[in-house]
C-alpha atoms as a PDB file:
ATOM      1  CA  UNK A   1      34.076 -31.980 -13.673  1.00  0.00           C
ATOM      2  CA  UNK A   2      30.383 -32.765 -13.944  1.00  0.00           C
ATOM      3  CA  UNK A   3      28.725 -36.172 -14.011  1.00  0.00           C
ATOM      4  CA  UNK A   4      25.072 -37.088 -14.504  1.00  0.00           C
ATOM      5  CA  UNK A   5      23.414 -39.724 -12.344  1.00  0.00           C
ATOM      6  CA  UNK A   6      20.129 -41.360 -13.310  1.00  0.00           C
ATOM      7  CA  UNK A   7      17.164 -40.797 -11.025  1.00  0.00           C
ATOM      8  CA  UNK A   8      13.434 -41.407 -11.368  1.00  0.00           C
ATOM      9  CA  UNK A   9      12.691 -38.687  -8.812  1.00  0.00           C
ATOM     10  CA  UNK A  10      10.886 -35.619 -10.150  1.00  0.00           C
ATOM     11  CA  UNK A  11      12.483 -32.169  -9.885  1.00  0.00           C
ATOM     12  CA  UNK A  12       9.817 -31.257  -7.324  1.00  0.00           C
ATOM     13  CA  UNK A  13      10.663 -34.209  -5.070  1.00  0.00           C
ATOM     14  CA  UNK A  14      14.399 -33.741  -5.566  1.00  0.00           C
ATOM     15  CA  UNK A  15      14.032 -30.115  -4.464  1.00  0.00           C
ATOM     16  CA  UNK A  16      11.828 -31.064  -1.507  1.00  0.00           C
ATOM     17  CA  UNK A  17      14.435 -33.504  -0.186  1.00  0.00           C
ATOM     18  CA  UNK A  18      17.154 -30.892  -0.549  1.00  0.00           C
ATOM     19  CA  UNK A  19      20.430 -31.883   1.115  1.00  0.00           C
ATOM     20  CA  UNK A  20      18.784 -35.067   2.465  1.00  0.00           C
ATOM     21  CA  UNK A  21      18.497 -36.546  -1.038  1.00  0.00           C
ATOM     22  CA  UNK A  22      20.402 -39.893  -1.311  1.00  0.00           C
ATOM     23  CA  UNK A  23      23.128 -38.563  -3.605  1.00  0.00           C
ATOM     24  CA  UNK A  24      25.494 -41.041  -5.281  1.00  0.00           C
ATOM     25  CA  UNK A  25      28.746 -41.657  -3.418  1.00  0.00           C
ATOM     26  CA  UNK A  26      31.637 -42.467  -5.777  1.00  0.00           C
ATOM     27  CA  UNK A  27      34.049 -45.263  -4.811  1.00  0.00           C
ATOM     28  CA  UNK A  28      36.880 -43.657  -6.764  1.00  0.00           C
ATOM     29  CA  UNK A  29      37.759 -40.429  -8.516  1.00  0.00           C
ATOM     30  CA  UNK A  30      36.441 -40.508 -12.100  1.00  0.00           C
ATOM     31  CA  UNK A  31      39.274 -38.165 -13.144  1.00  0.00           C
ATOM     32  CA  UNK A  32      42.442 -39.829 -11.807  1.00  0.00           C
ATOM     33  CA  UNK A  33      40.811 -43.262 -11.275  1.00  0.00           C
ATOM     34  CA  UNK A  34      42.543 -43.704  -7.928  1.00  0.00           C
ATOM     35  CA  UNK A  35      40.616 -46.263  -5.886  1.00  0.00           C
ATOM     36  CA  UNK A  36      40.071 -43.861  -3.004  1.00  0.00           C
ATOM     37  CA  UNK A  37      36.615 -42.323  -2.496  1.00  0.00           C
ATOM     38  CA  UNK A  38      36.543 -38.548  -3.054  1.00  0.00           C
ATOM     39  CA  UNK A  39      35.528 -36.480  -0.043  1.00  0.00           C
ATOM     40  CA  UNK A  40      32.201 -34.689   0.236  1.00  0.00           C
ATOM     41  CA  UNK A  41      32.762 -31.061  -0.708  1.00  0.00           C
ATOM     42  CA  UNK A  42      29.517 -29.280  -0.007  1.00  0.00           C
ATOM     43  CA  UNK A  43      26.863 -28.174  -2.469  1.00  0.00           C
ATOM     44  CA  UNK A  44      26.079 -25.502  -4.975  1.00  0.00           C
ATOM     45  CA  UNK A  45      22.631 -24.564  -6.165  1.00  0.00           C
ATOM     46  CA  UNK A  46      21.313 -24.080  -9.678  1.00  0.00           C
ATOM     47  CA  UNK A  47      17.990 -23.387 -11.344  1.00  0.00           C
ATOM     48  CA  UNK A  48      15.853 -26.200 -12.730  1.00  0.00           C
ATOM     49  CA  UNK A  49      12.671 -25.490 -14.682  1.00  0.00           C
ATOM     50  CA  UNK A  50      10.266 -28.322 -15.505  1.00  0.00           C
ATOM     51  CA  UNK A  51       6.665 -28.407 -16.719  1.00  0.00           C
ATOM     52  CA  UNK A  52       5.234 -27.732 -13.254  1.00  0.00           C
ATOM     53  CA  UNK A  53       8.298 -26.766 -11.242  1.00  0.00           C
ATOM     54  CA  UNK A  54      10.702 -23.862 -11.151  1.00  0.00           C
ATOM     55  CA  UNK A  55      13.235 -23.424  -8.402  1.00  0.00           C
ATOM     56  CA  UNK A  56      16.747 -23.771  -7.076  1.00  0.00           C
ATOM     57  CA  UNK A  57      18.081 -27.280  -6.444  1.00  0.00           C
ATOM     58  CA  UNK A  58      21.179 -28.517  -4.632  1.00  0.00           C
ATOM     59  CA  UNK A  59      23.995 -30.204  -6.526  1.00  0.00           C
ATOM     60  CA  UNK A  60      26.303 -32.432  -4.469  1.00  0.00           C
ATOM     61  CA  UNK A  61      30.046 -31.921  -4.916  1.00  0.00           C
ATOM     62  CA  UNK A  62      33.011 -34.154  -4.095  1.00  0.00           C
ATOM     63  CA  UNK A  63      36.727 -33.391  -4.001  1.00  0.00           C
ATOM     64  CA  UNK A  64      39.650 -35.681  -4.830  1.00  0.00           C
ATOM     65  CA  UNK A  65      42.536 -34.865  -2.516  1.00  0.00           C
ATOM     66  CA  UNK A  66      45.008 -36.563  -4.864  1.00  0.00           C
ATOM     67  CA  UNK A  67      44.336 -34.911  -8.236  1.00  0.00           C
ATOM     68  CA  UNK A  68      42.489 -31.888  -6.712  1.00  0.00           C
ATOM     69  CA  UNK A  69      39.483 -32.342  -8.984  1.00  0.00           C
ATOM     70  CA  UNK A  70      36.017 -31.229  -7.896  1.00  0.00           C
ATOM     71  CA  UNK A  71      33.225 -33.540  -9.098  1.00  0.00           C
ATOM     72  CA  UNK A  72      29.605 -32.344  -9.305  1.00  0.00           C
ATOM     73  CA  UNK A  73      26.715 -34.797  -9.667  1.00  0.00           C
ATOM     74  CA  UNK A  74      23.744 -33.534 -11.685  1.00  0.00           C
ATOM     75  CA  UNK A  75      20.410 -35.394 -11.522  1.00  0.00           C
ATOM     76  CA  UNK A  76      19.405 -36.855 -14.892  1.00  0.00           C
ATOM     77  CA  UNK A  77      16.527 -34.437 -15.421  1.00  0.00           C
ATOM     78  CA  UNK A  78      19.173 -31.704 -15.816  1.00  0.00           C
ATOM     79  CA  UNK A  79      21.392 -30.909 -18.780  1.00  0.00           C
ATOM     80  CA  UNK A  80      24.698 -29.128 -18.086  1.00  0.00           C
ATOM     81  CA  UNK A  81      24.362 -25.371 -18.741  1.00  0.00           C
ATOM     82  CA  UNK A  82      20.603 -25.584 -19.432  1.00  0.00           C
ATOM     83  CA  UNK A  83      17.969 -24.327 -16.984  1.00  0.00           C
ATOM     84  CA  UNK A  84      15.066 -26.202 -18.565  1.00  0.00           C
ATOM     85  CA  UNK A  85      14.877 -29.941 -17.977  1.00  0.00           C
ATOM     86  CA  UNK A  86      15.791 -32.446 -20.667  1.00  0.00           C
ATOM     87  CA  UNK A  87      12.191 -33.738 -20.700  1.00  0.00           C
ATOM     88  CA  UNK A  88      10.773 -30.319 -21.527  1.00  0.00           C
ATOM     89  CA  UNK A  89      13.367 -29.580 -24.206  1.00  0.00           C
ATOM     90  CA  UNK A  90      12.920 -33.002 -25.801  1.00  0.00           C
ATOM     91  CA  UNK A  91       9.126 -32.630 -25.791  1.00  0.00           C
ATOM     92  CA  UNK A  92       9.368 -29.328 -27.666  1.00  0.00           C
ATOM     93  CA  UNK A  93      11.741 -30.823 -30.241  1.00  0.00           C
ATOM     94  CA  UNK A  94       9.485 -33.831 -30.798  1.00  0.00           C
ATOM     95  CA  UNK A  95       6.346 -31.740 -31.192  1.00  0.00           C
ATOM     96  CA  UNK A  96       7.909 -29.705 -34.001  1.00  0.00           C
ATOM     97  CA  UNK A  97      10.012 -32.328 -35.768  1.00  0.00           C
ATOM     98  CA  UNK A  98       8.006 -35.492 -35.237  1.00  0.00           C
ATOM     99  CA  UNK A  99       4.424 -34.288 -34.705  1.00  0.00           C
ATOM    100  CA  UNK A 100       4.679 -31.450 -37.250  1.00  0.00           C
ATOM    101  CA  UNK A 101       3.534 -28.684 -34.919  1.00  0.00           C
ATOM    102  CA  UNK A 102       4.343 -25.174 -36.064  1.00  0.00           C
ATOM    103  CA  UNK A 103       6.618 -23.206 -33.736  1.00  0.00           C
ATOM    104  CA  UNK A 104       3.674 -21.096 -32.553  1.00  0.00           C
ATOM    105  CA  UNK A 105       1.439 -24.156 -32.247  1.00  0.00           C
ATOM    106  CA  UNK A 106       4.087 -25.961 -30.195  1.00  0.00           C
ATOM    107  CA  UNK A 107       4.498 -23.014 -27.820  1.00  0.00           C
ATOM    108  CA  UNK A 108       0.744 -22.665 -27.388  1.00  0.00           C
ATOM    109  CA  UNK A 109       0.383 -26.400 -26.680  1.00  0.00           C
ATOM    110  CA  UNK A 110       3.220 -26.422 -24.143  1.00  0.00           C
ATOM    111  CA  UNK A 111       2.220 -23.227 -22.369  1.00  0.00           C
ATOM    112  CA  UNK A 112      -1.291 -24.567 -21.818  1.00  0.00           C
ATOM    113  CA  UNK A 113       0.238 -27.548 -19.993  1.00  0.00           C
ATOM    114  CA  UNK A 114       3.406 -26.138 -18.432  1.00  0.00           C
ATOM    115  CA  UNK A 115       2.843 -23.298 -15.997  1.00  0.00           C
ATOM    116  CA  UNK A 116       6.560 -22.486 -15.700  1.00  0.00           C
ATOM    117  CA  UNK A 117       7.348 -22.283 -19.397  1.00  0.00           C
ATOM    118  CA  UNK A 118       8.618 -18.857 -20.433  1.00  0.00           C
ATOM    119  CA  UNK A 119       9.862 -19.689 -23.912  1.00  0.00           C
ATOM    120  CA  UNK A 120       9.350 -17.563 -26.948  1.00  0.00           C
ATOM    121  CA  UNK A 121       9.936 -18.727 -30.509  1.00  0.00           C
ATOM    122  CA  UNK A 122      13.671 -17.993 -30.310  1.00  0.00           C
ATOM    123  CA  UNK A 123      14.066 -20.486 -27.419  1.00  0.00           C
ATOM    124  CA  UNK A 124      12.406 -23.227 -29.420  1.00  0.00           C
ATOM    125  CA  UNK A 125      14.419 -22.367 -32.540  1.00  0.00           C
ATOM    126  CA  UNK A 126      17.632 -22.587 -30.495  1.00  0.00           C
ATOM    127  CA  UNK A 127      16.823 -26.095 -29.239  1.00  0.00           C
ATOM    128  CA  UNK A 128      15.795 -27.250 -32.709  1.00  0.00           C
ATOM    129  CA  UNK A 129      18.951 -25.895 -34.351  1.00  0.00           C
ATOM    130  CA  UNK A 130      21.137 -27.480 -31.685  1.00  0.00           C
ATOM    131  CA  UNK A 131      19.431 -30.879 -32.030  1.00  0.00           C
ATOM    132  CA  UNK A 132      19.676 -30.805 -35.820  1.00  0.00           C
ATOM    133  CA  UNK A 133      23.317 -29.715 -35.690  1.00  0.00           C
ATOM    134  CA  UNK A 134      24.120 -32.543 -33.265  1.00  0.00           C
ATOM    135  CA  UNK A 135      22.189 -35.280 -35.088  1.00  0.00           C
ATOM    136  CA  UNK A 136      25.373 -36.984 -36.330  1.00  0.00           C
ATOM    137  CA  UNK A 137      26.847 -37.050 -32.824  1.00  0.00           C
ATOM    138  CA  UNK A 138      23.555 -38.375 -31.453  1.00  0.00           C
ATOM    139  CA  UNK A 139      23.631 -41.150 -34.073  1.00  0.00           C
ATOM    140  CA  UNK A 140      27.118 -42.105 -32.883  1.00  0.00           C
ATOM    141  CA  UNK A 141      25.708 -42.336 -29.377  1.00  0.00           C
ATOM    142  CA  UNK A 142      22.842 -44.510 -30.566  1.00  0.00           C
ATOM    143  CA  UNK A 143      25.294 -46.810 -32.340  1.00  0.00           C
ATOM    144  CA  UNK A 144      27.353 -47.099 -29.148  1.00  0.00           C
ATOM    145  CA  UNK A 145      24.423 -47.611 -26.777  1.00  0.00           C
ATOM    146  CA  UNK A 146      22.224 -49.727 -29.091  1.00  0.00           C
ATOM    147  CA  UNK A 147      24.728 -51.743 -31.171  1.00  0.00           C
ATOM    148  CA  UNK A 148      22.047 -53.427 -33.306  1.00  0.00           C
ATOM    149  CA  UNK A 149      20.143 -50.254 -34.077  1.00  0.00           C
ATOM    150  CA  UNK A 150      19.409 -49.445 -37.702  1.00  0.00           C
ATOM    151  CA  UNK A 151      20.365 -45.807 -38.127  1.00  0.00           C
ATOM    152  CA  UNK A 152      18.821 -43.445 -40.699  1.00  0.00           C
ATOM    153  CA  UNK A 153      20.635 -43.317 -44.023  1.00  0.00           C
ATOM    154  CA  UNK A 154      23.141 -40.488 -44.369  1.00  0.00           C
ATOM    155  CA  UNK A 155      21.576 -39.352 -47.653  1.00  0.00           C
ATOM    156  CA  UNK A 156      18.290 -38.355 -45.983  1.00  0.00           C
ATOM    157  CA  UNK A 157      17.471 -34.663 -45.633  1.00  0.00           C
ATOM    158  CA  UNK A 158      18.503 -33.294 -42.238  1.00  0.00           C
ATOM    159  CA  UNK A 159      14.937 -32.905 -40.949  1.00  0.00           C
ATOM    160  CA  UNK A 160      13.860 -36.387 -42.087  1.00  0.00           C
ATOM    161  CA  UNK A 161      16.975 -37.924 -40.574  1.00  0.00           C
ATOM    162  CA  UNK A 162      16.336 -36.069 -37.300  1.00  0.00           C
ATOM    163  CA  UNK A 163      12.744 -37.372 -37.231  1.00  0.00           C
ATOM    164  CA  UNK A 164      14.046 -40.942 -37.470  1.00  0.00           C
ATOM    165  CA  UNK A 165      16.616 -40.253 -34.737  1.00  0.00           C
ATOM    166  CA  UNK A 166      13.834 -38.937 -32.484  1.00  0.00           C
ATOM    167  CA  UNK A 167      11.834 -42.130 -33.022  1.00  0.00           C
ATOM    168  CA  UNK A 168      14.873 -44.256 -32.184  1.00  0.00           C
ATOM    169  CA  UNK A 169      15.382 -42.291 -28.971  1.00  0.00           C
ATOM    170  CA  UNK A 170      11.701 -42.686 -28.063  1.00  0.00           C
ATOM    171  CA  UNK A 171      11.600 -46.438 -28.756  1.00  0.00           C
ATOM    172  CA  UNK A 172      15.134 -47.462 -27.789  1.00  0.00           C
ATOM    173  CA  UNK A 173      15.134 -46.038 -24.266  1.00  0.00           C
ATOM    174  CA  UNK A 174      12.494 -46.056 -21.526  1.00  0.00           C
ATOM    175  CA  UNK A 175      12.965 -42.317 -21.040  1.00  0.00           C
ATOM    176  CA  UNK A 176      14.963 -39.471 -22.598  1.00  0.00           C
ATOM    177  CA  UNK A 177      16.747 -39.111 -19.244  1.00  0.00           C
ATOM    178  CA  UNK A 178      18.084 -42.647 -19.697  1.00  0.00           C
ATOM    179  CA  UNK A 179      19.639 -41.777 -23.037  1.00  0.00           C
ATOM    180  CA  UNK A 180      20.919 -38.432 -21.777  1.00  0.00           C
ATOM    181  CA  UNK A 181      22.632 -39.916 -18.719  1.00  0.00           C
ATOM    182  CA  UNK A 182      24.142 -42.847 -20.631  1.00  0.00           C
ATOM    183  CA  UNK A 183      25.329 -40.619 -23.487  1.00  0.00           C
ATOM    184  CA  UNK A 184      27.041 -38.302 -20.997  1.00  0.00           C
ATOM    185  CA  UNK A 185      28.638 -41.259 -19.208  1.00  0.00           C
ATOM    186  CA  UNK A 186      30.133 -42.593 -22.463  1.00  0.00           C
ATOM    187  CA  UNK A 187      31.204 -39.317 -24.107  1.00  0.00           C
ATOM    188  CA  UNK A 188      31.674 -36.883 -21.227  1.00  0.00           C
ATOM    189  CA  UNK A 189      29.411 -34.220 -22.726  1.00  0.00           C
ATOM    190  CA  UNK A 190      25.696 -33.665 -23.274  1.00  0.00           C
ATOM    191  CA  UNK A 191      23.956 -34.654 -26.493  1.00  0.00           C
ATOM    192  CA  UNK A 192      22.826 -30.994 -26.629  1.00  0.00           C
ATOM    193  CA  UNK A 193      26.316 -29.531 -26.107  1.00  0.00           C
ATOM    194  CA  UNK A 194      27.578 -27.084 -28.762  1.00  0.00           C
ATOM    195  CA  UNK A 195      29.576 -28.818 -31.481  1.00  0.00           C
ATOM    196  CA  UNK A 196      32.678 -26.684 -30.966  1.00  0.00           C
ATOM    197  CA  UNK A 197      32.964 -28.268 -27.485  1.00  0.00           C
ATOM    198  CA  UNK A 198      32.770 -31.775 -28.923  1.00  0.00           C
ATOM    199  CA  UNK A 199      35.734 -33.797 -30.094  1.00  0.00           C
ATOM    200  CA  UNK A 200      34.538 -36.778 -32.110  1.00  0.00           C
END
């Protein structure tokens, strides 16, 4: 199983520290809940691509000797199964949906500022479609994490509703990583996961 832990460290610094990074050490197995700390179980590496970083990073693994579950801890700048960081993906979505950039204008803007961005229009369209498709699930997360939040009305057009959701994410949390990590902790999947993997 994968878990996300919140960190303020940049991908560059996380990579630089490598296996010396102060990874979280669970007190119990999050799968079987037995109050016995899982054992360290090595690392695996994965790609992370941020605005000014592209490289392989180490992911710490633990193993529960009682339920035989392997637990991997992803840093909060990562999304499961995505190479690009949550910050970069969220920035692209906001530029198009909230700042009314065209797809080409958004790519031009980002590529001038992000030396490791290799998106074409299809990448950006994929992220936009996924965010729009998941907007209802994201609203459930907002309701759970911000109980007093005033959500967009259901009758709004999908794009207008998504714009309001983006503004709530930007104002309700100090950083998109905060929302991403807390959403994953509550629901066990990413807010950008495909809907057919989500049981609501």
